[in-house]
Structures are given as structure tokens and as C-alpha cells.
Amino acid sequence: MSHLDSILSKIENKQAVVGVVGLGYVGLPLAVEKAKAGFKVIGFDVQQSRVDQVNNAQNYIGDVVNEDLEEIIKSGMLEATTDYNRITEVDAVAICVPTPLDHHQQPDTSYVESSSKEIAKYAREGMLVVLESTTYPGTTEEIVVPALEEKGLVCGDTVFVAYSPERVDPGNKHFKTKNTPKVVGGVTENCTKVASALYRAVLEGDVFEVSSPAVAEMEKIFENTFRHINIALANEMAILCEKMGIDVWEMIDAAKTKPYGFMAFYPGPGLGGHCIPIDPFYLTWKAREYNYHTRLIELAGEINNSMPELVVDRMMRILNHDGKALRGAKVAVLGVAYKKDIDDVRESPVLDILTILDKEGADYQVVDPFVPAFRLIDKQIETVALTEDLLSSADLVLIATDHTTFDYEMIANSSRVVFDTRNALKDVEKKPERYIKL
């Protein structure tokens, strides 16, 4: 039996042992779904604490159901380890490691590189390797493939390599790992066939095959760049509408009544999360290799990155109206997570706002029911409870994240001055004495 027929047979019969490298926001939900689908799964992570949490069924990812994790750990369908030597036990492995930007806004592929080398060290013939980490077009064939070929493996024959971008939207109530469509691009047709077979055996969402890993890599960056640019447009409209005395939220709601040719995006205090603030810059970096400057993407980045400072400038103007300075002003900041109803503060624009408030000497307290504590530069900040006393004593209440668990009636009734960057009080009939929207 050929290596192709062997791996396809193992997948079809749920006899393949599957590895997942990186047990974070992407890796753990994927590992759980693969285990629930009937595959034995080994999760790999460099953090011993995270491995211990998984093995003790201690869930740390909001999109994973506690009971699901407990069941698959108890049944032995999922286990975690820091020992990469156990790659020898798996038939297929997905790489789900971080791909951040460095201090020069250039891609840091060190996690992909180290993971590829560790996998190659223990790889064997007939194995499937899929990269899921978001990255620039060419990464799979420039980093993953050479690592495996150095061991004498041949893509499409003795090893199968593909790229299938992660699609994770933390906190999304409708689309999870299980039912989100998958894009797969293999190095060869056989590579695509094997990777697609595995995802179809695990997920409910459609699997869409493309001609190469580079197409799949570019597709993923295009998804996030699309949102990046359209959010920048909404933010720029918010700036202009404020100057013109127009409610930007009302304007966008009116525009979205058009049943074709329009998709609503909304302004906010800035971008957050691992994807949208970072991924477009992978493309701008790669484009320079072809002597091309992605002007629209870079301009959108300038607009979105300027929003935290703009928010603080607006706060200063609001306080000045009441004859108060930002220095020494009591500010209640509602929300530090980058989006509502999650505990994720990665790249949160609220962190930038708080950094500026620190510098300006504001006396602020942060409320976030999903984030009990967080790190701000060199200090640990604990969040506080949302109370009437906190709101009524504040010179300014800033709604930075629109968690649905916030009591917006109490916020409206107890606050004197509210600056709402999320249009969170839109459904509250009685607004505060002074209510200002972004």
C-alpha cells in the first residue's frame, strides 16, 4: 500500500493519531474537535503549565466547552505533552503557534521555524503536516517543506504538507471551529487530498481546496486586511462625522438598509486581537520583496493605530467642557478586552488608552467582568466591580468594550458624563446627563 493510500485509510477509519502543536486560542479548540470526532490526539506545547491544565481538564479557552474537555481527557482521547519526541507517535500534525510582529513591525516566524524543525526531527514517512498559523504567502514552502526535505522526505510522496488557515473568532456565538468552512492548499494534489480528508472527517463546515499553500496563505491575510481597511474607513467617518455634527452610528445603520453592495463596519477605540492589527503587516512586509508598497493597507493602519490617542484627546475635550483637566480626573474605564464577552486582551487598544492616561496623570479604575487582572507595561492591574458609587463618583465614564453583561441601565442612570466608543447605550431610553458618542 502506498503512503497516500495508507494515510487516507487511517483517516477514514479514525485510526490516525493526530498531533496539534500549540495549545492556544487556535490549537486547543482544534485538538478538542479532532478528539470529539474520534481521533486520538496528542497536544504539544512548550509551556508546562498549559500542558498540566489540559491534562487536568482545566479549560482556559472560552470557545472550548468545559464538559467536552473533561470528557475527552477522561476517555484518553486527548493528552498534552512538552515532549516533542512523541511526534513519532502521530500520523498527522497541525502547527498552531503564534506569528507575531517584531519591534520593527516585521514578521516573527521563529515559532513556526522551531516547530517545523522539531517535527522534522521526529517525522516519518507517510505523515501529514499542516501549518495553520497566519503568515505571509510562501511560508509553508519556504520554512516547513525544507525542514522536512532535509530529512530526505519527499512532499506528495513520502510526506504530505499543506496550509490551512485558522479561522477563529473568539466569542462568536454562531461560528466555532467545528462549523466554520476551511480552506486547504497543499504543496501537491496528493497533499491537498490528504489534508482535506482529515478536515472533512473532523469538521462540519465545507472544505474549499485551492491550488497551492501560497493561495491559502494570501487568502487568510486578505480576509483580515479586508476587515482592517473597512474598520479604518468607519473610524475615519467617525472622525469626520464628529466634526460635522453627524451621528456616525445612525449614518451606518441607515447605509446598511441597502440590500446589496454594502457591508456594515463600525468605528471603535482601535483594533485588537492577534489577527487584524497584525496580519496585514505581514503582507506589507512581503510586498517590499516585489518592490511594491501596499499604500492602502499602511494608511488604514495609520488611521486604526491613531484611535486610542484620538479617544484620549476627546476625553480631554469632554473634561475641559466641565472645567476639569485630565490630570487627576477620576475616570471609570469599562472594559479592557479587545472585544465584547471575551477575556482576551491581546493587542487591545484599551491598553494603549490606559498607557496614555497613566502618562497624563489620570486617576482611573478599570471594570471588566471577564478580565480579573492584566499586565500594563511593568505593572499588574486588578479590575474592580461595576457599582453605582464608582459611576457616580467618576468625572468621566469611558465605555471601551461593550460587554453584554454590563448593566447599561445602571450606567446610564448613575453616570454624569459618559463617553461611549461602542454605541453601547443605543437601546437605553434615558441617557446620562452628558452623553457623548465616538
Protein backbone atom coordinates (compact mmCIF):
# COMPACT_ATOMS: atom_id res chain seq x y z
CA MET A 1 0.00 0.00 0.00
CA SER A 2 1.32 3.47 -0.91
CA HIS A 3 1.85 6.16 1.71
CA LEU A 4 -1.09 8.05 0.22
CA ASP A 5 -3.48 5.12 0.47
CA SER A 6 -2.23 4.29 3.96
CA ILE A 7 -2.82 7.74 5.48
CA LEU A 8 -6.20 8.09 3.73
CA SER A 9 -7.26 4.73 5.11
CA LYS A 10 -6.19 5.68 8.64
CA ILE A 11 -8.16 8.92 8.40
CA GLU A 12 -11.27 7.22 7.03
CA ASN A 13 -11.21 4.58 9.78
CA LYS A 14 -10.35 7.11 12.54
CA GLN A 15 -7.15 5.17 13.23
CA ALA A 16 -4.84 8.13 12.62
CA VAL A 17 -3.18 9.65 15.67
CA VAL A 18 -3.29 13.43 15.34
CA GLY A 19 -0.90 15.97 16.85
CA VAL A 20 -1.53 19.66 17.48
CA VAL A 21 1.47 21.90 18.17
CA GLY A 22 0.50 24.98 20.16
CA LEU A 23 -2.46 24.77 22.55
CA GLY A 24 -3.66 28.36 22.49
CA TYR A 25 -6.77 30.05 21.07
CA VAL A 26 -6.45 28.10 17.80
CA GLY A 27 -4.77 24.86 18.83
CA LEU A 28 -6.84 23.77 21.81
CA PRO A 29 -10.27 24.13 20.11
CA LEU A 30 -8.88 22.25 17.09
CA ALA A 31 -7.47 19.48 19.31
CA VAL A 32 -10.79 19.16 21.12
CA GLU A 33 -12.78 18.90 17.88
CA LYS A 34 -10.42 16.27 16.49
CA ALA A 35 -10.74 14.23 19.67
CA LYS A 36 -14.54 14.60 19.67
CA ALA A 37 -14.55 13.34 16.07
CA GLY A 38 -12.95 10.08 17.21
CA PHE A 39 -9.25 10.67 16.65
CA LYS A 40 -6.65 10.08 19.33
CA VAL A 41 -4.99 13.49 19.81
CA ILE A 42 -1.65 14.49 21.34
CA GLY A 43 -1.26 18.19 22.05
CA PHE A 44 2.22 19.74 22.18
CA ASP A 45 3.15 22.96 23.93
CA VAL A 46 6.35 24.46 25.32
CA GLN A 47 4.55 25.74 28.43
CA GLN A 48 4.42 23.07 31.11
CA SER A 49 1.69 24.96 32.96
CA ARG A 50 -0.55 24.87 29.90
CA VAL A 51 0.12 21.17 29.38
CA ASP A 52 -0.77 20.49 33.01
CA GLN A 53 -4.02 22.44 32.65
CA VAL A 54 -5.06 20.38 29.63
CA ASN A 55 -4.19 17.08 31.26
CA ASN A 56 -6.17 18.10 34.35
CA ALA A 57 -9.13 19.18 32.16
CA GLN A 58 -8.75 22.77 33.33
CA ASN A 59 -10.16 24.83 30.49
CA TYR A 60 -8.59 28.23 29.70
CA ILE A 61 -10.14 28.95 26.29
CA GLY A 62 -13.62 30.49 26.14
CA ASP A 63 -14.60 28.73 22.91
CA VAL A 64 -13.98 25.29 24.42
CA VAL A 65 -16.86 23.73 26.37
CA ASN A 66 -15.70 22.60 29.81
CA GLU A 67 -17.66 19.37 29.65
CA ASP A 68 -16.19 18.50 26.25
CA LEU A 69 -12.64 18.89 27.54
CA GLU A 70 -13.39 16.87 30.67
CA GLU A 71 -14.94 14.03 28.64
CA ILE A 72 -12.13 13.64 26.09
CA ILE A 73 -9.44 13.84 28.78
CA LYS A 74 -11.26 11.27 30.88
CA SER A 75 -11.67 8.95 27.89
CA GLY A 76 -7.99 9.31 26.94
CA MET A 77 -8.75 10.78 23.52
CA LEU A 78 -6.67 13.89 24.26
CA GLU A 79 -3.46 14.30 26.19
CA ALA A 80 -0.85 17.06 26.24
CA THR A 81 2.93 16.99 26.50
CA THR A 82 6.06 19.11 26.17
CA ASP A 83 7.98 16.12 24.78
CA TYR A 84 8.37 16.54 21.01
CA ASN A 85 9.84 13.07 20.82
CA ARG A 86 6.23 11.89 20.83
CA ILE A 87 5.82 13.26 17.30
CA THR A 88 6.96 9.76 16.36
CA GLU A 89 3.53 8.54 17.52
CA VAL A 90 1.42 10.75 15.26
CA ASP A 91 0.23 10.31 11.68
CA ALA A 92 -0.78 13.92 11.16
CA VAL A 93 0.18 17.14 12.90
CA ALA A 94 -1.13 20.72 12.77
CA ILE A 95 1.10 23.68 13.62
CA CYS A 96 -0.90 26.32 15.52
CA VAL A 97 1.82 28.54 17.00
CA PRO A 98 1.93 32.36 17.32
CA THR A 99 3.18 34.52 14.44
CA PRO A 100 3.67 37.97 15.99
CA LEU A 101 5.40 41.05 14.63
CA ASP A 102 8.81 42.05 15.96
CA HIS A 103 9.80 45.53 17.18
CA HIS A 104 10.32 46.63 13.57
CA GLN A 105 6.79 45.55 12.51
CA GLN A 106 8.29 42.63 10.59
CA PRO A 107 7.07 39.01 10.77
CA ASP A 108 8.50 36.89 13.56
CA THR A 109 8.36 33.34 12.21
CA SER A 110 10.62 31.91 14.88
CA TYR A 111 7.82 29.80 16.41
CA VAL A 112 6.95 28.30 13.02
CA GLU A 113 10.63 27.65 12.33
CA SER A 114 11.31 25.95 15.66
CA SER A 115 8.12 23.86 15.44
CA SER A 116 8.96 22.76 11.89
CA LYS A 117 12.47 21.71 12.94
CA GLU A 118 11.16 19.76 15.94
CA ILE A 119 8.57 17.98 13.82
CA ALA A 120 11.13 17.21 11.10
CA LYS A 121 13.47 15.76 13.72
CA TYR A 122 10.94 13.03 14.53
CA ALA A 123 8.93 12.90 11.28
CA ARG A 124 8.44 9.61 9.47
CA GLU A 125 7.22 8.55 6.05
CA GLY A 126 3.50 8.83 5.40
CA MET A 127 2.94 11.75 7.78
CA LEU A 128 0.71 14.78 7.13
CA VAL A 129 1.95 18.21 8.31
CA VAL A 130 -0.42 21.19 8.13
CA LEU A 131 0.50 24.77 9.02
CA GLU A 132 -2.45 26.77 10.41
CA SER A 133 -0.68 29.83 11.82
CA THR A 134 -1.44 33.05 9.95
CA THR A 135 1.59 34.14 7.95
CA TYR A 136 2.82 35.64 4.70
CA PRO A 137 2.43 33.85 1.34
CA GLY A 138 5.32 31.44 0.85
CA THR A 139 5.91 30.45 4.48
CA THR A 140 4.84 26.82 4.12
CA GLU A 141 7.12 26.21 1.15
CA GLU A 142 9.99 28.33 2.48
CA ILE A 143 10.07 27.05 6.07
CA VAL A 144 8.04 23.87 6.63
CA VAL A 145 8.89 22.00 3.41
CA PRO A 146 12.71 22.49 3.56
CA ALA A 147 12.78 21.31 7.18
CA LEU A 148 11.12 18.03 6.17
CA GLU A 149 13.07 17.60 2.93
CA GLU A 150 16.36 17.93 4.79
CA LYS A 151 15.44 14.62 6.35
CA GLY A 152 15.03 13.05 2.91
CA LEU A 153 11.25 13.15 2.82
CA VAL A 154 9.53 14.00 -0.49
CA CYS A 155 6.41 16.20 -0.49
CA GLY A 156 3.43 14.50 -2.07
CA ASP A 157 5.10 11.08 -1.91
CA THR A 158 6.61 10.22 1.46
CA VAL A 159 5.26 13.22 3.37
CA PHE A 160 2.19 15.41 2.82
CA VAL A 161 2.34 19.15 3.54
CA ALA A 162 -0.42 21.74 3.35
CA TYR A 163 -1.52 25.12 4.62
CA SER A 164 -5.00 25.60 6.08
CA PRO A 165 -5.52 28.97 7.77
CA GLU A 166 -7.09 29.09 11.18
CA ARG A 167 -10.43 30.82 11.34
CA VAL A 168 -11.17 31.59 14.95
CA ASP A 169 -13.42 34.43 16.11
CA PRO A 170 -13.31 34.38 19.93
CA GLY A 171 -16.72 34.86 21.46
CA ASN A 172 -18.65 34.26 18.23
CA LYS A 173 -21.96 32.63 19.23
CA HIS A 174 -22.67 31.09 15.83
CA PHE A 175 -19.39 30.08 14.21
CA LYS A 176 -16.86 27.93 16.06
CA THR A 177 -14.02 25.71 14.87
CA LYS A 178 -16.50 22.89 14.19
CA ASN A 179 -18.79 24.66 11.71
CA THR A 180 -16.53 27.25 10.08
CA PRO A 181 -15.59 26.48 6.45
CA LYS A 182 -11.97 25.51 5.87
CA VAL A 183 -9.58 26.47 3.07
CA VAL A 184 -6.84 23.96 2.22
CA GLY A 185 -3.87 24.37 -0.11
CA GLY A 186 -1.39 21.51 -0.43
CA VAL A 187 2.11 21.54 -1.90
CA THR A 188 0.89 18.88 -4.36
CA GLU A 189 -2.52 17.47 -5.28
CA ASN A 190 -1.91 14.48 -3.02
CA CYS A 191 -1.05 16.79 -0.15
CA THR A 192 -4.32 18.67 -0.63
CA LYS A 193 -6.24 15.40 -0.84
CA VAL A 194 -4.87 14.11 2.48
CA ALA A 195 -5.30 17.38 4.39
CA SER A 196 -8.84 17.84 3.07
CA ALA A 197 -9.74 14.28 4.05
CA LEU A 198 -8.69 14.93 7.64
CA TYR A 199 -10.63 18.19 7.95
CA ARG A 200 -13.73 16.67 6.37
CA ALA A 201 -13.54 13.84 8.92
CA VAL A 202 -13.49 16.37 11.78
CA LEU A 203 -15.45 19.49 10.81
CA GLU A 204 -18.99 20.25 9.71
CA GLY A 205 -18.02 23.28 7.64
CA ASP A 206 -17.23 22.96 3.94
CA VAL A 207 -13.62 22.33 2.88
CA PHE A 208 -12.59 24.52 -0.07
CA GLU A 209 -9.48 23.39 -1.91
CA VAL A 210 -7.09 25.86 -3.57
CA SER A 211 -4.16 25.24 -5.89
CA SER A 212 -1.26 25.95 -3.51
CA PRO A 213 -0.29 26.87 0.05
CA ALA A 214 0.53 30.40 -1.14
CA VAL A 215 -3.06 30.96 -2.30
CA ALA A 216 -4.37 29.79 1.07
CA GLU A 217 -1.85 31.96 2.93
CA MET A 218 -2.77 35.02 0.86
CA GLU A 219 -6.48 34.30 1.29
CA LYS A 220 -6.16 34.38 5.06
CA ILE A 221 -4.31 37.69 5.07
CA PHE A 222 -6.85 39.12 2.61
CA GLU A 223 -9.70 38.20 4.99
CA ASN A 224 -8.16 40.20 7.81
CA THR A 225 -6.93 43.03 5.58
CA PHE A 226 -10.50 43.42 4.28
CA ARG A 227 -11.72 44.00 7.83
CA HIS A 228 -8.69 46.13 8.70
CA ILE A 229 -9.35 48.56 5.83
CA ASN A 230 -13.10 48.75 6.29
CA ILE A 231 -12.79 49.40 10.01
CA ALA A 232 -10.34 52.17 9.16
CA LEU A 233 -12.95 53.66 6.83
CA ALA A 234 -15.54 53.54 9.62
CA ASN A 235 -13.07 55.17 12.02
CA GLU A 236 -12.29 57.93 9.54
CA MET A 237 -16.02 58.51 9.02
CA ALA A 238 -16.42 58.77 12.80
CA ILE A 239 -13.75 61.47 12.94
CA LEU A 240 -15.36 63.44 10.11
CA CYS A 241 -18.93 62.96 11.36
CA GLU A 242 -17.96 64.26 14.81
CA LYS A 243 -16.62 67.43 13.21
CA MET A 244 -19.79 67.80 11.13
CA GLY A 245 -22.18 67.10 13.99
CA ILE A 246 -23.48 63.88 12.43
CA ASP A 247 -24.15 60.66 14.37
CA VAL A 248 -21.88 58.14 12.64
CA TRP A 249 -23.75 55.18 14.14
CA GLU A 250 -27.09 56.40 12.79
CA MET A 251 -25.48 57.03 9.41
CA ILE A 252 -24.04 53.49 9.19
CA ASP A 253 -27.33 51.91 10.27
CA ALA A 254 -29.05 53.85 7.52
CA ALA A 255 -26.45 52.73 4.96
CA LYS A 256 -26.84 49.06 5.84
CA THR A 257 -30.50 49.13 4.82
CA LYS A 258 -29.17 48.81 1.26
CA PRO A 259 -29.62 45.11 0.40
CA TYR A 260 -26.64 44.91 -1.95
CA GLY A 261 -23.13 46.31 -2.33
CA PHE A 262 -22.69 47.31 1.33
CA MET A 263 -21.42 45.60 4.47
CA ALA A 264 -21.59 47.40 7.80
CA PHE A 265 -18.39 48.00 9.76
CA TYR A 266 -18.33 50.15 12.88
CA PRO A 267 -15.82 52.53 14.46
CA GLY A 268 -14.22 51.98 17.83
CA PRO A 269 -11.29 52.88 20.08
CA GLY A 270 -8.83 50.90 17.91
CA LEU A 271 -8.07 47.36 16.81
CA GLY A 272 -7.26 44.40 18.99
CA GLY A 273 -6.70 40.66 18.93
CA HIS A 274 -3.94 38.68 17.29
CA CYS A 275 -5.22 38.92 13.72
CA ILE A 276 -6.50 42.25 12.40
CA PRO A 277 -3.86 44.58 13.93
CA ILE A 278 -1.01 42.27 12.86
CA ASP A 279 -1.76 40.15 9.78
CA PRO A 280 -1.99 42.96 7.18
CA PHE A 281 1.56 43.97 8.03
CA TYR A 282 2.77 40.50 7.04
CA LEU A 283 1.58 41.39 3.56
CA THR A 284 3.11 44.87 3.52
CA TRP A 285 6.44 43.30 4.53
CA LYS A 286 6.26 40.61 1.86
CA ALA A 287 5.21 43.13 -0.81
CA ARG A 288 8.50 45.00 -0.43
CA GLU A 289 10.28 41.91 -1.74
CA TYR A 290 8.47 42.64 -5.02
CA ASN A 291 9.24 46.37 -4.87
CA TYR A 292 5.62 47.21 -4.15
CA HIS A 293 4.22 49.34 -1.34
CA THR A 294 0.75 48.47 -0.10
CA ARG A 295 -0.30 52.09 0.41
CA LEU A 296 -3.95 51.47 1.25
CA ILE A 297 -3.12 48.88 3.91
CA GLU A 298 -0.48 51.10 5.51
CA LEU A 299 -2.80 54.13 5.52
CA ALA A 300 -5.54 52.06 7.14
CA GLY A 301 -3.00 51.02 9.77
CA GLU A 302 -2.18 54.67 10.49
CA ILE A 303 -5.86 55.50 10.99
CA ASN A 304 -6.62 52.50 13.21
CA ASN A 305 -3.45 52.89 15.26
CA SER A 306 -4.29 56.56 15.91
CA MET A 307 -7.66 55.80 17.51
CA PRO A 308 -6.50 55.31 21.14
CA GLU A 309 -4.82 58.72 21.10
CA LEU A 310 -7.89 60.24 19.48
CA VAL A 311 -10.08 58.74 22.22
CA VAL A 312 -7.92 60.33 24.93
CA ASP A 313 -7.94 63.67 23.09
CA ARG A 314 -11.74 63.54 23.05
CA MET A 315 -11.72 62.70 26.76
CA MET A 316 -9.63 65.82 27.41
CA ARG A 317 -12.10 67.97 25.48
CA ILE A 318 -15.06 66.46 27.33
CA LEU A 319 -13.44 67.18 30.69
CA ASN A 320 -12.39 70.67 29.60
CA HIS A 321 -16.03 71.41 28.90
CA ASP A 322 -16.66 70.85 32.61
CA GLY A 323 -13.62 72.93 33.62
CA LYS A 324 -11.56 69.88 34.56
CA ALA A 325 -8.17 68.60 33.50
CA LEU A 326 -7.40 65.01 32.63
CA ARG A 327 -4.62 65.03 35.22
CA GLY A 328 -6.20 63.98 38.49
CA ALA A 329 -9.60 63.32 36.91
CA LYS A 330 -11.47 60.25 38.11
CA VAL A 331 -12.10 58.01 35.12
CA ALA A 332 -14.03 54.73 35.11
CA VAL A 333 -12.90 52.63 32.14
CA LEU A 334 -15.44 49.97 31.27
CA GLY A 335 -13.79 47.05 29.51
CA VAL A 336 -10.19 46.15 28.71
CA ALA A 337 -10.71 43.09 26.47
CA TYR A 338 -10.33 43.88 22.79
CA LYS A 339 -13.92 42.81 22.02
CA LYS A 340 -17.06 42.08 23.97
CA ASP A 341 -17.73 38.98 26.04
CA ILE A 342 -14.20 37.52 25.95
CA ASP A 343 -11.19 37.62 28.28
CA ASP A 344 -8.62 38.32 25.56
CA VAL A 345 -6.54 41.50 25.96
CA ARG A 346 -4.02 40.74 23.21
CA GLU A 347 -3.25 43.94 21.28
CA SER A 348 -6.27 45.57 22.95
CA PRO A 349 -6.48 49.30 22.12
CA VAL A 350 -7.65 49.87 25.68
CA LEU A 351 -4.13 49.08 26.86
CA ASP A 352 -2.85 51.96 24.71
CA ILE A 353 -5.55 54.24 26.12
CA LEU A 354 -4.59 53.32 29.67
CA THR A 355 -0.91 53.88 28.93
CA ILE A 356 -1.71 57.43 27.79
CA LEU A 357 -3.96 58.00 30.82
CA ASP A 358 -1.05 56.90 33.01
CA LYS A 359 1.27 59.35 31.32
CA GLU A 360 -1.25 62.18 31.65
CA GLY A 361 -1.82 61.50 35.34
CA ALA A 362 -5.47 60.45 35.25
CA ASP A 363 -6.91 58.60 38.25
CA TYR A 364 -8.57 55.65 36.55
CA GLN A 365 -10.14 52.36 37.53
CA VAL A 366 -10.90 49.53 35.12
CA VAL A 367 -14.01 47.36 35.13
CA ASP A 368 -14.08 44.09 33.20
CA PRO A 369 -16.05 41.05 34.39
CA PHE A 370 -14.07 38.79 32.01
CA VAL A 371 -10.59 40.02 32.98
CA PRO A 372 -9.84 39.95 36.73
CA ALA A 373 -6.31 41.31 36.22
CA PHE A 374 -3.99 42.28 33.38
CA ARG A 375 -0.48 43.49 32.72
CA LEU A 376 0.14 47.11 31.66
CA ILE A 377 3.80 47.65 30.72
CA ASP A 378 5.57 46.95 34.03
CA LYS A 379 2.67 46.68 36.46
CA GLN A 380 -0.21 44.39 37.28
CA ILE A 381 -3.66 46.00 37.37
CA GLU A 382 -6.65 44.39 39.04
CA THR A 383 -10.09 45.25 37.71
CA VAL A 384 -12.89 46.38 40.01
CA ALA A 385 -16.62 45.74 40.23
CA LEU A 386 -19.14 47.90 38.43
CA THR A 387 -21.02 49.79 41.13
CA GLU A 388 -23.24 52.86 41.37
CA ASP A 389 -20.67 54.53 43.65
CA LEU A 390 -17.89 54.01 41.09
CA LEU A 391 -20.03 55.50 38.33
CA SER A 392 -21.43 58.43 40.28
CA SER A 393 -18.02 59.46 41.64
CA ALA A 394 -16.33 59.39 38.22
CA ASP A 395 -15.69 62.62 36.36
CA LEU A 396 -15.91 60.59 33.16
CA VAL A 397 -17.09 57.07 32.34
CA LEU A 398 -15.43 55.60 29.25
CA ILE A 399 -17.19 52.66 27.59
CA ALA A 400 -14.26 50.99 25.84
CA THR A 401 -15.63 47.44 25.46
CA ASP A 402 -19.34 46.73 25.12
CA HIS A 403 -19.68 43.56 27.20
CA THR A 404 -23.28 42.37 27.17
CA THR A 405 -23.04 41.62 30.91
CA PHE A 406 -22.68 45.30 31.78
CA ASP A 407 -25.79 46.83 33.37
CA TYR A 408 -26.28 49.65 30.88
CA GLU A 409 -29.41 50.97 32.62
CA MET A 410 -27.34 51.44 35.79
CA ILE A 411 -24.50 53.00 33.80
CA ALA A 412 -26.90 55.50 32.23
CA ASN A 413 -28.69 56.31 35.48
CA SER A 414 -25.64 56.57 37.75
CA SER A 415 -23.13 58.34 35.49
CA ARG A 416 -22.93 62.08 34.96
CA VAL A 417 -20.66 62.03 31.90
CA VAL A 418 -20.29 59.04 29.54
CA PHE A 419 -18.04 58.78 26.51
CA ASP A 420 -19.31 55.78 24.56
CA THR A 421 -16.88 54.44 21.95
CA ARG A 422 -19.09 51.43 21.12
CA ASN A 423 -22.62 52.89 20.91
CA ALA A 424 -23.38 50.61 23.85
CA LEU A 425 -26.21 52.77 25.25
CA LYS A 426 -28.16 52.85 22.00
CA ASP A 427 -31.07 50.86 23.46
CA VAL A 428 -31.18 52.70 26.80
CA GLU A 429 -34.05 55.17 26.73
CA LYS A 430 -32.83 57.58 29.42
CA LYS A 431 -29.30 58.71 28.62
CA PRO A 432 -26.84 60.23 31.13
CA GLU A 433 -26.79 63.99 31.78
CA ARG A 434 -23.94 64.28 29.29
CA TYR A 435 -23.67 61.51 26.75
CA ILE A 436 -21.03 61.67 24.04
CA LYS A 437 -20.51 59.04 21.34
CA LEU A 438 -17.39 58.41 19.28
